[in-house]
Structures are given as structure tokens and as C-alpha cells.
């Protein structure tokens, strides 16, 4: 196998691991933003999760009705972080294009 193909496969595996890790971290940010009610005893009703993707920022909104024994209110928590998974995906494509160009130049 051509060494450029081996390099592309290796780099793709590394980028895939980074992509999965950054997407996992994006979704695990929600509990950190909801930490304000972690000591309260209650339940959510009508819970909904909405995502809004932008090229640079990814917003995840968790909203619902929070009910305790004495309180009933609507709450919403918004996590807004840079859209690292999309940025990593674009880097993966760019690196693959550059590696293919290098492989074509070396084979000619």
C-alpha cells in the first residue's frame, strides 16, 4: 500500500477519535449547565431538547416544566459552545485533499 494512503488512513483514525470525543463533550456540557438545580428535589415535565447548529457555534437548549412539592416553573438551560465537531470534520477533509495531492505529485 502506498505510504500516502497509509498516512491518510492513520490521520483519519486520529481525527475520528477526536471528532467523537468533541461531540461527546458537547453533549455532556448540558449537565454542567444544569448544575444550579442539582441540589433540588423535583422532576421535569414536558422536557424537550432543541439544537441549533451554526458554522461556528452549536447551541443545545434543554427546557421543560420543573416541579417540586412547593414550586412549579418553566426553566430552560442553554449550552453554547464552539462547533468543534464540524470544525474537525472540515480539517479532516482538508488534510485528505492535501494528502491526495501529495500522493498524486509523488506518483507522477
PDB file of N, CA and C in Angstrom:
ATOM      1  N   UNK A   1       0.851  -1.182   0.000  1.00  0.00           N
ATOM      2  CA  UNK A   1       0.000   0.000   0.000  1.00  0.00           C
ATOM      3  C   UNK A   1       0.894   1.243   0.000  1.00  0.00           C
ATOM      4  N   UNK A   2       0.478   2.227  -0.724  1.00  0.00           N
ATOM      5  CA  UNK A   2       1.209   3.476  -0.824  1.00  0.00           C
ATOM      6  C   UNK A   2       1.323   4.133   0.552  1.00  0.00           C
ATOM      7  N   UNK A   3       2.488   4.706   0.835  1.00  0.00           N
ATOM      8  CA  UNK A   3       2.676   5.322   2.160  1.00  0.00           C
ATOM      9  C   UNK A   3       1.750   6.503   2.384  1.00  0.00           C
ATOM     10  N   UNK A   4       1.340   7.196   1.309  1.00  0.00           N
ATOM     11  CA  UNK A   4       0.422   8.317   1.450  1.00  0.00           C
ATOM     12  C   UNK A   4      -0.963   7.840   1.843  1.00  0.00           C
ATOM     13  N   UNK A   5      -1.371   6.688   1.305  1.00  0.00           N
ATOM     14  CA  UNK A   5      -2.666   6.112   1.689  1.00  0.00           C
ATOM     15  C   UNK A   5      -2.621   5.691   3.152  1.00  0.00           C
ATOM     16  N   UNK A   6      -1.518   5.089   3.572  1.00  0.00           N
ATOM     17  CA  UNK A   6      -1.371   4.690   4.983  1.00  0.00           C
ATOM     18  C   UNK A   6      -1.430   5.908   5.900  1.00  0.00           C
ATOM     19  N   UNK A   7      -0.784   6.977   5.507  1.00  0.00           N
ATOM     20  CA  UNK A   7      -0.826   8.204   6.308  1.00  0.00           C
ATOM     21  C   UNK A   7      -2.243   8.770   6.387  1.00  0.00           C
ATOM     22  N   UNK A   8      -2.938   8.759   5.265  1.00  0.00           N
ATOM     23  CA  UNK A   8      -4.314   9.277   5.250  1.00  0.00           C
ATOM     24  C   UNK A   8      -5.217   8.449   6.161  1.00  0.00           C
ATOM     25  N   UNK A   9      -5.080   7.126   6.115  1.00  0.00           N
ATOM     26  CA  UNK A   9      -5.891   6.264   6.984  1.00  0.00           C
ATOM     27  C   UNK A   9      -5.574   6.527   8.443  1.00  0.00           C
ATOM     28  N   UNK A  10      -4.297   6.645   8.777  1.00  0.00           N
ATOM     29  CA  UNK A  10      -3.888   6.900  10.160  1.00  0.00           C
ATOM     30  C   UNK A  10      -4.418   8.246  10.650  1.00  0.00           C
ATOM     31  N   UNK A  11      -4.287   9.278   9.826  1.00  0.00           N
ATOM     32  CA  UNK A  11      -4.762  10.610  10.213  1.00  0.00           C
ATOM     33  C   UNK A  11      -6.281  10.611  10.349  1.00  0.00           C
ATOM     34  N   UNK A  12      -6.978   9.893   9.456  1.00  0.00           N
ATOM     35  CA  UNK A  12      -8.436   9.807   9.567  1.00  0.00           C
ATOM     36  C   UNK A  12      -8.855   9.126  10.862  1.00  0.00           C
ATOM     37  N   UNK A  13      -8.154   8.093  11.275  1.00  0.00           N
ATOM     38  CA  UNK A  13      -8.479   7.433  12.544  1.00  0.00           C
ATOM     39  C   UNK A  13      -8.286   8.377  13.724  1.00  0.00           C
ATOM     40  N   UNK A  14      -7.211   9.136  13.703  1.00  0.00           N
ATOM     41  CA  UNK A  14      -6.959  10.098  14.785  1.00  0.00           C
ATOM     42  C   UNK A  14      -8.054  11.169  14.799  1.00  0.00           C
ATOM     43  N   UNK A  15      -8.370  11.714  13.625  1.00  0.00           N
ATOM     44  CA  UNK A  15      -9.421  12.731  13.554  1.00  0.00           C
ATOM     45  C   UNK A  15     -10.780  12.171  13.964  1.00  0.00           C
ATOM     46  N   UNK A  16     -11.060  10.923  13.623  1.00  0.00           N
ATOM     47  CA  UNK A  16     -12.336  10.320  14.015  1.00  0.00           C
ATOM     48  C   UNK A  16     -12.446  10.213  15.527  1.00  0.00           C
ATOM     49  N   UNK A  17     -11.370   9.823  16.188  1.00  0.00           N
ATOM     50  CA  UNK A  17     -11.369   9.737  17.654  1.00  0.00           C
ATOM     51  C   UNK A  17     -11.571  11.121  18.265  1.00  0.00           C
ATOM     52  N   UNK A  18     -10.901  12.128  17.725  1.00  0.00           N
ATOM     53  CA  UNK A  18     -11.062  13.495  18.218  1.00  0.00           C
ATOM     54  C   UNK A  18     -12.487  13.988  17.962  1.00  0.00           C
ATOM     55  N   UNK A  19     -13.039  13.655  16.800  1.00  0.00           N
ATOM     56  CA  UNK A  19     -14.409  14.057  16.467  1.00  0.00           C
ATOM     57  C   UNK A  19     -15.409  13.460  17.456  1.00  0.00           C
ATOM     58  N   UNK A  20     -15.297  12.170  17.720  1.00  0.00           N
ATOM     59  CA  UNK A  20     -16.225  11.515  18.656  1.00  0.00           C
ATOM     60  C   UNK A  20     -16.067  12.110  20.052  1.00  0.00           C
ATOM     61  N   UNK A  21     -14.832  12.347  20.481  1.00  0.00           N
ATOM     62  CA  UNK A  21     -14.604  12.951  21.799  1.00  0.00           C
ATOM     63  C   UNK A  21     -15.167  14.354  21.918  1.00  0.00           C
ATOM     64  N   UNK A  22     -15.014  15.156  20.880  1.00  0.00           N
ATOM     65  CA  UNK A  22     -15.535  16.524  20.954  1.00  0.00           C
ATOM     66  C   UNK A  22     -17.062  16.549  20.899  1.00  0.00           C
ATOM     67  N   UNK A  23     -17.674  15.642  20.135  1.00  0.00           N
ATOM     68  CA  UNK A  23     -19.131  15.588  20.102  1.00  0.00           C
ATOM     69  C   UNK A  23     -19.676  15.103  21.446  1.00  0.00           C
ATOM     70  N   UNK A  24     -19.004  14.140  22.046  1.00  0.00           N
ATOM     71  CA  UNK A  24     -19.409  13.661  23.374  1.00  0.00           C
ATOM     72  C   UNK A  24     -19.301  14.785  24.406  1.00  0.00           C
ATOM     73  N   UNK A  25     -18.202  15.540  24.354  1.00  0.00           N
ATOM     74  CA  UNK A  25     -18.021  16.647  25.294  1.00  0.00           C
ATOM     75  C   UNK A  25     -19.075  17.729  25.086  1.00  0.00           C
ATOM     76  N   UNK A  26     -19.488  17.924  23.839  1.00  0.00           N
ATOM     77  CA  UNK A  26     -20.521  18.919  23.549  1.00  0.00           C
ATOM     78  C   UNK A  26     -21.827  18.538  24.245  1.00  0.00           C
ATOM     79  N   UNK A  27     -22.222  17.271  24.156  1.00  0.00           N
ATOM     80  CA  UNK A  27     -23.479  16.847  24.755  1.00  0.00           C
ATOM     81  C   UNK A  27     -23.369  16.701  26.267  1.00  0.00           C
ATOM     82  N   UNK A  28     -22.186  16.436  26.788  1.00  0.00           N
ATOM     83  CA  UNK A  28     -22.016  16.303  28.235  1.00  0.00           C
ATOM     84  C   UNK A  28     -21.920  17.657  28.926  1.00  0.00           C
ATOM     85  N   UNK A  29     -21.887  18.721  28.152  1.00  0.00           N
ATOM     86  CA  UNK A  29     -21.874  20.070  28.707  1.00  0.00           C
ATOM     87  C   UNK A  29     -23.236  20.426  29.306  1.00  0.00           C
ATOM     88  N   UNK A  30     -24.298  19.794  28.832  1.00  0.00           N
ATOM     89  CA  UNK A  30     -25.652  20.104  29.305  1.00  0.00           C
ATOM     90  C   UNK A  30     -25.779  19.889  30.811  1.00  0.00           C
ATOM     91  N   UNK A  31     -25.368  18.738  31.377  1.00  0.00           N
ATOM     92  CA  UNK A  31     -25.500  18.587  32.830  1.00  0.00           C
ATOM     93  C   UNK A  31     -24.712  19.625  33.619  1.00  0.00           C
ATOM     94  N   UNK A  32     -23.581  20.079  33.081  1.00  0.00           N
ATOM     95  CA  UNK A  32     -22.806  21.110  33.775  1.00  0.00           C
ATOM     96  C   UNK A  32     -23.579  22.419  33.821  1.00  0.00           C
ATOM     97  N   UNK A  33     -24.325  22.739  32.754  1.00  0.00           N
ATOM     98  CA  UNK A  33     -25.111  23.967  32.736  1.00  0.00           C
ATOM     99  C   UNK A  33     -26.346  23.866  33.624  1.00  0.00           C
ATOM    100  N   UNK A  34     -26.777  22.661  33.928  1.00  0.00           N
ATOM    101  CA  UNK A  34     -27.961  22.467  34.768  1.00  0.00           C
ATOM    102  C   UNK A  34     -27.595  22.269  36.236  1.00  0.00           C
ATOM    103  N   UNK A  35     -26.359  22.524  36.584  1.00  0.00           N
ATOM    104  CA  UNK A  35     -25.881  22.272  37.941  1.00  0.00           C
ATOM    105  C   UNK A  35     -26.624  23.093  38.993  1.00  0.00           C
ATOM    106  N   UNK A  36     -27.222  24.189  38.591  1.00  0.00           N
ATOM    107  CA  UNK A  36     -27.925  25.051  39.546  1.00  0.00           C
ATOM    108  C   UNK A  36     -29.073  24.371  40.250  1.00  0.00           C
ATOM    109  N   UNK A  37     -29.665  23.357  39.641  1.00  0.00           N
ATOM    110  CA  UNK A  37     -30.784  22.676  40.296  1.00  0.00           C
ATOM    111  C   UNK A  37     -30.394  21.284  40.789  1.00  0.00           C
ATOM    112  N   UNK A  38     -29.114  20.983  40.824  1.00  0.00           N
ATOM    113  CA  UNK A  38     -28.702  19.632  41.203  1.00  0.00           C
ATOM    114  C   UNK A  38     -29.022  19.308  42.661  1.00  0.00           C
ATOM    115  N   UNK A  39     -29.157  20.310  43.510  1.00  0.00           N
ATOM    116  CA  UNK A  39     -29.455  20.048  44.919  1.00  0.00           C
ATOM    117  C   UNK A  39     -30.949  20.104  45.214  1.00  0.00           C
ATOM    118  N   UNK A  40     -31.750  20.431  44.224  1.00  0.00           N
ATOM    119  CA  UNK A  40     -33.195  20.494  44.411  1.00  0.00           C
ATOM    120  C   UNK A  40     -33.805  19.120  44.175  1.00  0.00           C
ATOM    121  N   UNK A  41     -34.874  18.856  44.864  1.00  0.00           N
ATOM    122  CA  UNK A  41     -35.605  17.609  44.674  1.00  0.00           C
ATOM    123  C   UNK A  41     -36.855  17.936  43.875  1.00  0.00           C
ATOM    124  N   UNK A  42     -36.943  17.392  42.677  1.00  0.00           N
ATOM    125  CA  UNK A  42     -38.092  17.664  41.824  1.00  0.00           C
ATOM    126  C   UNK A  42     -37.993  16.870  40.549  1.00  0.00           C
ATOM    127  N   UNK A  43     -38.946  17.082  39.676  1.00  0.00           N
ATOM    128  CA  UNK A  43     -38.969  16.375  38.402  1.00  0.00           C
ATOM    129  C   UNK A  43     -39.238  17.353  37.273  1.00  0.00           C
ATOM    130  N   UNK A  44     -38.794  16.965  36.083  1.00  0.00           N
ATOM    131  CA  UNK A  44     -39.095  17.713  34.873  1.00  0.00           C
ATOM    132  C   UNK A  44     -40.306  17.093  34.198  1.00  0.00           C
ATOM    133  N   UNK A  45     -41.159  17.943  33.693  1.00  0.00           N
ATOM    134  CA  UNK A  45     -42.284  17.504  32.880  1.00  0.00           C
ATOM    135  C   UNK A  45     -42.199  18.240  31.553  1.00  0.00           C
ATOM    136  N   UNK A  46     -42.706  17.617  30.517  1.00  0.00           N
ATOM    137  CA  UNK A  46     -42.678  18.202  29.171  1.00  0.00           C
ATOM    138  C   UNK A  46     -41.254  18.605  28.776  1.00  0.00           C
ATOM    139  N   UNK A  47     -40.311  17.735  29.055  1.00  0.00           N
ATOM    140  CA  UNK A  47     -38.907  18.014  28.756  1.00  0.00           C
ATOM    141  C   UNK A  47     -38.677  17.967  27.242  1.00  0.00           C
ATOM    142  N   UNK A  48     -37.958  18.964  26.742  1.00  0.00           N
ATOM    143  CA  UNK A  48     -37.629  18.999  25.325  1.00  0.00           C
ATOM    144  C   UNK A  48     -36.188  19.478  25.149  1.00  0.00           C
ATOM    145  N   UNK A  49     -35.562  18.941  24.134  1.00  0.00           N
ATOM    146  CA  UNK A  49     -34.189  19.311  23.796  1.00  0.00           C
ATOM    147  C   UNK A  49     -34.183  19.822  22.368  1.00  0.00           C
ATOM    148  N   UNK A  50     -33.659  21.006  22.178  1.00  0.00           N
ATOM    149  CA  UNK A  50     -33.579  21.603  20.848  1.00  0.00           C
ATOM    150  C   UNK A  50     -32.130  21.962  20.564  1.00  0.00           C
ATOM    151  N   UNK A  51     -31.703  21.669  19.361  1.00  0.00           N
ATOM    152  CA  UNK A  51     -30.345  22.017  18.957  1.00  0.00           C
ATOM    153  C   UNK A  51     -30.400  23.008  17.820  1.00  0.00           C
ATOM    154  N   UNK A  52     -29.448  23.902  17.810  1.00  0.00           N
ATOM    155  CA  UNK A  52     -29.331  24.891  16.761  1.00  0.00           C
ATOM    156  C   UNK A  52     -27.862  24.919  16.328  1.00  0.00           C
ATOM    157  N   UNK A  53     -27.630  24.512  15.097  1.00  0.00           N
ATOM    158  CA  UNK A  53     -26.265  24.450  14.588  1.00  0.00           C
ATOM    159  C   UNK A  53     -25.952  25.697  13.785  1.00  0.00           C
ATOM    160  N   UNK A  54     -24.789  26.200  14.014  1.00  0.00           N
ATOM    161  CA  UNK A  54     -24.255  27.309  13.266  1.00  0.00           C
ATOM    162  C   UNK A  54     -22.890  26.851  12.785  1.00  0.00           C
ATOM    163  N   UNK A  55     -22.280  27.556  11.892  1.00  0.00           N
ATOM    164  CA  UNK A  55     -20.961  27.143  11.436  1.00  0.00           C
ATOM    165  C   UNK A  55     -19.955  27.231  12.581  1.00  0.00           C
ATOM    166  N   UNK A  56     -20.059  28.233  13.407  1.00  0.00           N
ATOM    167  CA  UNK A  56     -19.077  28.420  14.464  1.00  0.00           C
ATOM    168  C   UNK A  56     -19.569  28.005  15.848  1.00  0.00           C
ATOM    169  N   UNK A  57     -20.861  28.070  16.104  1.00  0.00           N
ATOM    170  CA  UNK A  57     -21.377  27.797  17.447  1.00  0.00           C
ATOM    171  C   UNK A  57     -22.522  26.798  17.362  1.00  0.00           C
ATOM    172  N   UNK A  58     -22.568  25.924  18.360  1.00  0.00           N
ATOM    173  CA  UNK A  58     -23.636  24.933  18.453  1.00  0.00           C
ATOM    174  C   UNK A  58     -24.380  25.191  19.762  1.00  0.00           C
ATOM    175  N   UNK A  59     -25.683  25.445  19.660  1.00  0.00           N
ATOM    176  CA  UNK A  59     -26.496  25.695  20.839  1.00  0.00           C
ATOM    177  C   UNK A  59     -27.362  24.472  21.124  1.00  0.00           C
ATOM    178  N   UNK A  60     -27.398  24.084  22.376  1.00  0.00           N
ATOM    179  CA  UNK A  60     -28.264  22.998  22.823  1.00  0.00           C
ATOM    180  C   UNK A  60     -29.109  23.554  23.959  1.00  0.00           C
ATOM    181  N   UNK A  61     -30.419  23.534  23.771  1.00  0.00           N
ATOM    182  CA  UNK A  61     -31.330  24.065  24.779  1.00  0.00           C
ATOM    183  C   UNK A  61     -32.158  22.931  25.363  1.00  0.00           C
ATOM    184  N   UNK A  62     -32.130  22.844  26.686  1.00  0.00           N
ATOM    185  CA  UNK A  62     -32.964  21.885  27.408  1.00  0.00           C
ATOM    186  C   UNK A  62     -33.999  22.709  28.170  1.00  0.00           C
ATOM    187  N   UNK A  63     -35.266  22.444  27.915  1.00  0.00           N
ATOM    188  CA  UNK A  63     -36.331  23.216  28.552  1.00  0.00           C
ATOM    189  C   UNK A  63     -37.439  22.283  29.011  1.00  0.00           C
ATOM    190  N   UNK A  64     -38.147  22.736  29.996  1.00  0.00           N
ATOM    191  CA  UNK A  64     -39.272  21.955  30.488  1.00  0.00           C
ATOM    192  C   UNK A  64     -39.895  22.620  31.696  1.00  0.00           C
ATOM    193  N   UNK A  65     -40.869  21.942  32.265  1.00  0.00           N
ATOM    194  CA  UNK A  65     -41.529  22.417  33.471  1.00  0.00           C
ATOM    195  C   UNK A  65     -40.925  21.686  34.661  1.00  0.00           C
ATOM    196  N   UNK A  66     -40.399  22.456  35.612  1.00  0.00           N
ATOM    197  CA  UNK A  66     -39.758  21.871  36.787  1.00  0.00           C
ATOM    198  C   UNK A  66     -40.737  21.933  37.947  1.00  0.00           C
ATOM    199  N   UNK A  67     -40.967  20.787  38.559  1.00  0.00           N
ATOM    200  CA  UNK A  67     -41.959  20.702  39.627  1.00  0.00           C
ATOM    201  C   UNK A  67     -41.301  20.130  40.893  1.00  0.00           C
ATOM    202  N   UNK A  68     -41.499  20.861  41.990  1.00  0.00           N
ATOM    203  CA  UNK A  68     -41.138  20.358  43.316  1.00  0.00           C
ATOM    204  C   UNK A  68     -42.433  20.298  44.124  1.00  0.00           C
ATOM    205  N   UNK A  69     -42.300  19.977  45.398  1.00  0.00           N
ATOM    206  CA  UNK A  69     -43.516  19.893  46.215  1.00  0.00           C
ATOM    207  C   UNK A  69     -44.182  21.253  46.408  1.00  0.00           C
ATOM    208  N   UNK A  70     -43.405  22.333  46.321  1.00  0.00           N
ATOM    209  CA  UNK A  70     -43.981  23.667  46.549  1.00  0.00           C
ATOM    210  C   UNK A  70     -43.861  24.595  45.347  1.00  0.00           C
ATOM    211  N   UNK A  71     -43.223  24.159  44.265  1.00  0.00           N
ATOM    212  CA  UNK A  71     -42.889  25.058  43.171  1.00  0.00           C
ATOM    213  C   UNK A  71     -43.176  24.403  41.827  1.00  0.00           C
ATOM    214  N   UNK A  72     -43.677  25.189  40.891  1.00  0.00           N
ATOM    215  CA  UNK A  72     -43.879  24.743  39.518  1.00  0.00           C
ATOM    216  C   UNK A  72     -43.491  25.896  38.612  1.00  0.00           C
ATOM    217  N   UNK A  73     -42.442  25.708  37.818  1.00  0.00           N
ATOM    218  CA  UNK A  73     -41.997  26.798  36.948  1.00  0.00           C
ATOM    219  C   UNK A  73     -41.378  26.219  35.685  1.00  0.00           C
ATOM    220  N   UNK A  74     -41.380  27.019  34.667  1.00  0.00           N
ATOM    221  CA  UNK A  74     -40.728  26.646  33.417  1.00  0.00           C
ATOM    222  C   UNK A  74     -39.270  27.088  33.478  1.00  0.00           C
ATOM    223  N   UNK A  75     -38.396  26.196  33.117  1.00  0.00           N
ATOM    224  CA  UNK A  75     -36.966  26.509  33.130  1.00  0.00           C
ATOM    225  C   UNK A  75     -36.360  26.101  31.793  1.00  0.00           C
ATOM    226  N   UNK A  76     -35.258  26.745  31.436  1.00  0.00           N
ATOM    227  CA  UNK A  76     -34.525  26.424  30.216  1.00  0.00           C
ATOM    228  C   UNK A  76     -33.038  26.640  30.481  1.00  0.00           C
ATOM    229  N   UNK A  77     -32.249  25.745  29.969  1.00  0.00           N
ATOM    230  CA  UNK A  77     -30.793  25.835  30.082  1.00  0.00           C
ATOM    231  C   UNK A  77     -30.220  25.763  28.676  1.00  0.00           C
ATOM    232  N   UNK A  78     -29.357  26.698  28.359  1.00  0.00           N
ATOM    233  CA  UNK A  78     -28.775  26.761  27.018  1.00  0.00           C
ATOM    234  C   UNK A  78     -27.271  26.576  27.124  1.00  0.00           C
ATOM    235  N   UNK A  79     -26.764  25.619  26.361  1.00  0.00           N
ATOM    236  CA  UNK A  79     -25.324  25.408  26.250  1.00  0.00           C
ATOM    237  C   UNK A  79     -24.891  25.905  24.882  1.00  0.00           C
ATOM    238  N   UNK A  80     -23.997  26.824  24.870  1.00  0.00           N
ATOM    239  CA  UNK A  80     -23.466  27.331  23.607  1.00  0.00           C
ATOM    240  C   UNK A  80     -21.967  27.181  23.595  1.00  0.00           C
ATOM    241  N   UNK A  81     -21.482  26.336  22.715  1.00  0.00           N
ATOM    242  CA  UNK A  81     -20.049  26.088  22.604  1.00  0.00           C
ATOM    243  C   UNK A  81     -19.626  26.172  21.148  1.00  0.00           C
ATOM    244  N   UNK A  82     -18.348  26.397  20.911  1.00  0.00           N
ATOM    245  CA  UNK A  82     -17.888  26.353  19.512  1.00  0.00           C
ATOM    246  C   UNK A  82     -18.222  24.987  18.906  1.00  0.00           C
ATOM    247  N   UNK A  83     -18.545  24.977  17.643  1.00  0.00           N
ATOM    248  CA  UNK A  83     -18.938  23.749  16.968  1.00  0.00           C
ATOM    249  C   UNK A  83     -17.689  22.955  16.566  1.00  0.00           C
ATOM    250  N   UNK A  84     -16.988  22.413  17.568  1.00  0.00           N
ATOM    251  CA  UNK A  84     -15.751  21.680  17.329  1.00  0.00           C
ATOM    252  C   UNK A  84     -15.931  20.465  16.413  1.00  0.00           C
ATOM    253  N   UNK A  85     -17.016  19.694  16.542  1.00  0.00           N
ATOM    254  CA  UNK A  85     -17.145  18.553  15.630  1.00  0.00           C
ATOM    255  C   UNK A  85     -17.162  18.959  14.155  1.00  0.00           C
ATOM    256  N   UNK A  86     -17.842  20.044  13.815  1.00  0.00           N
ATOM    257  CA  UNK A  86     -17.874  20.487  12.423  1.00  0.00           C
ATOM    258  C   UNK A  86     -16.511  21.018  11.988  1.00  0.00           C
ATOM    259  N   UNK A  87     -15.847  21.745  12.857  1.00  0.00           N
ATOM    260  CA  UNK A  87     -14.517  22.266  12.537  1.00  0.00           C
ATOM    261  C   UNK A  87     -13.534  21.122  12.312  1.00  0.00           C
ATOM    262  N   UNK A  88     -13.592  20.090  13.148  1.00  0.00           N
ATOM    263  CA  UNK A  88     -12.714  18.925  12.988  1.00  0.00           C
ATOM    264  C   UNK A  88     -13.031  18.204  11.682  1.00  0.00           C
ATOM    265  N   UNK A  89     -14.323  18.100  11.353  1.00  0.00           N
ATOM    266  CA  UNK A  89     -14.707  17.460  10.101  1.00  0.00           C
ATOM    267  C   UNK A  89     -14.117  18.206   8.910  1.00  0.00           C
ATOM    268  N   UNK A  90     -14.166  19.541   8.920  1.00  0.00           N
ATOM    269  CA  UNK A  90     -13.578  20.323   7.832  1.00  0.00           C
ATOM    270  C   UNK A  90     -12.068  20.116   7.748  1.00  0.00           C
ATOM    271  N   UNK A  91     -11.406  20.030   8.902  1.00  0.00           N
ATOM    272  CA  UNK A  91      -9.971  19.748   8.890  1.00  0.00           C
ATOM    273  C   UNK A  91      -9.676  18.370   8.321  1.00  0.00           C
ATOM    274  N   UNK A  92     -10.521  17.395   8.622  1.00  0.00           N
ATOM    275  CA  UNK A  92     -10.338  16.054   8.062  1.00  0.00           C
ATOM    276  C   UNK A  92     -10.382  16.105   6.537  1.00  0.00           C
ATOM    277  N   UNK A  93     -11.348  16.811   5.991  1.00  0.00           N
ATOM    278  CA  UNK A  93     -11.469  16.915   4.539  1.00  0.00           C
ATOM    279  C   UNK A  93     -10.261  17.629   3.943  1.00  0.00           C
ATOM    280  N   UNK A  94      -9.850  18.727   4.564  1.00  0.00           N
ATOM    281  CA  UNK A  94      -8.705  19.483   4.063  1.00  0.00           C
ATOM    282  C   UNK A  94      -7.428  18.646   4.079  1.00  0.00           C
ATOM    283  N   UNK A  95      -7.175  17.937   5.174  1.00  0.00           N
ATOM    284  CA  UNK A  95      -5.974  17.098   5.268  1.00  0.00           C
ATOM    285  C   UNK A  95      -6.015  15.995   4.218  1.00  0.00           C
ATOM    286  N   UNK A  96      -7.191  15.380   4.005  1.00  0.00           N
ATOM    287  CA  UNK A  96      -7.293  14.338   2.988  1.00  0.00           C
ATOM    288  C   UNK A  96      -7.013  14.884   1.587  1.00  0.00           C
ATOM    289  N   UNK A  97      -7.512  16.063   1.292  1.00  0.00           N
ATOM    290  CA  UNK A  97      -7.245  16.662  -0.015  1.00  0.00           C
ATOM    291  C   UNK A  97      -5.754  16.931  -0.186  1.00  0.00           C
ATOM    292  N   UNK A  98      -5.123  17.458   0.844  1.00  0.00           N
ATOM    293  CA  UNK A  98      -3.682  17.730   0.754  1.00  0.00           C
ATOM    294  C   UNK A  98      -2.874  16.444   0.616  1.00  0.00           C
ATOM    295  N   UNK A  99      -3.259  15.398   1.333  1.00  0.00           N
ATOM    296  CA  UNK A  99      -2.552  14.118   1.211  1.00  0.00           C
ATOM    297  C   UNK A  99      -2.751  13.505  -0.173  1.00  0.00           C
ATOM    298  N   UNK A 100      -3.934  13.626  -0.729  1.00  0.00           N
ATOM    299  CA  UNK A 100      -4.162  13.103  -2.084  1.00  0.00           C
ATOM    300  C   UNK A 100      -3.341  13.873  -3.109  1.00  0.00           C
ATOM    301  N   UNK A 101      -3.248  15.189  -2.942  1.00  0.00           N
ATOM    302  CA  UNK A 101      -2.412  15.976  -3.860  1.00  0.00           C
ATOM    303  C   UNK A 101      -0.959  15.563  -3.763  1.00  0.00           C
ATOM    304  N   UNK A 102      -0.480  15.338  -2.533  1.00  0.00           N
ATOM    305  CA  UNK A 102       0.910  14.904  -2.354  1.00  0.00           C
ATOM    306  C   UNK A 102       1.148  13.525  -2.963  1.00  0.00           C
ATOM    307  N   UNK A 103       0.182  12.628  -2.812  1.00  0.00           N
ATOM    308  CA  UNK A 103       0.314  11.285  -3.365  1.00  0.00           C
ATOM    309  C   UNK A 103       0.332  11.338  -4.886  1.00  0.00           C
ATOM    310  N   UNK A 104      -0.484  12.199  -5.485  1.00  0.00           N
ATOM    311  CA  UNK A 104      -0.511  12.310  -6.951  1.00  0.00           C
ATOM    312  C   UNK A 104       0.783  12.903  -7.461  1.00  0.00           C
ATOM    313  N   UNK A 105       1.314  13.879  -6.762  1.00  0.00           N
ATOM    314  CA  UNK A 105       2.589  14.502  -7.177  1.00  0.00           C
ATOM    315  C   UNK A 105       3.737  13.501  -7.085  1.00  0.00           C
ATOM    316  N   UNK A 106       3.756  12.672  -6.059  1.00  0.00           N
ATOM    317  CA  UNK A 106       4.842  11.690  -5.897  1.00  0.00           C
ATOM    318  C   UNK A 106       4.728  10.561  -6.912  1.00  0.00           C
ATOM    319  N   UNK A 107       3.519  10.248  -7.344  1.00  0.00           N
ATOM    320  CA  UNK A 107       3.356   9.143  -8.293  1.00  0.00           C
ATOM    321  C   UNK A 107       3.650   9.550  -9.734  1.00  0.00           C
ATOM    322  N   UNK A 108       3.646  10.865  -9.998  1.00  0.00           N
ATOM    323  CA  UNK A 108       3.896  11.333 -11.378  1.00  0.00           C
ATOM    324  C   UNK A 108       5.353  11.423 -11.670  1.00  0.00           C
TER     325      UNK A 108
END
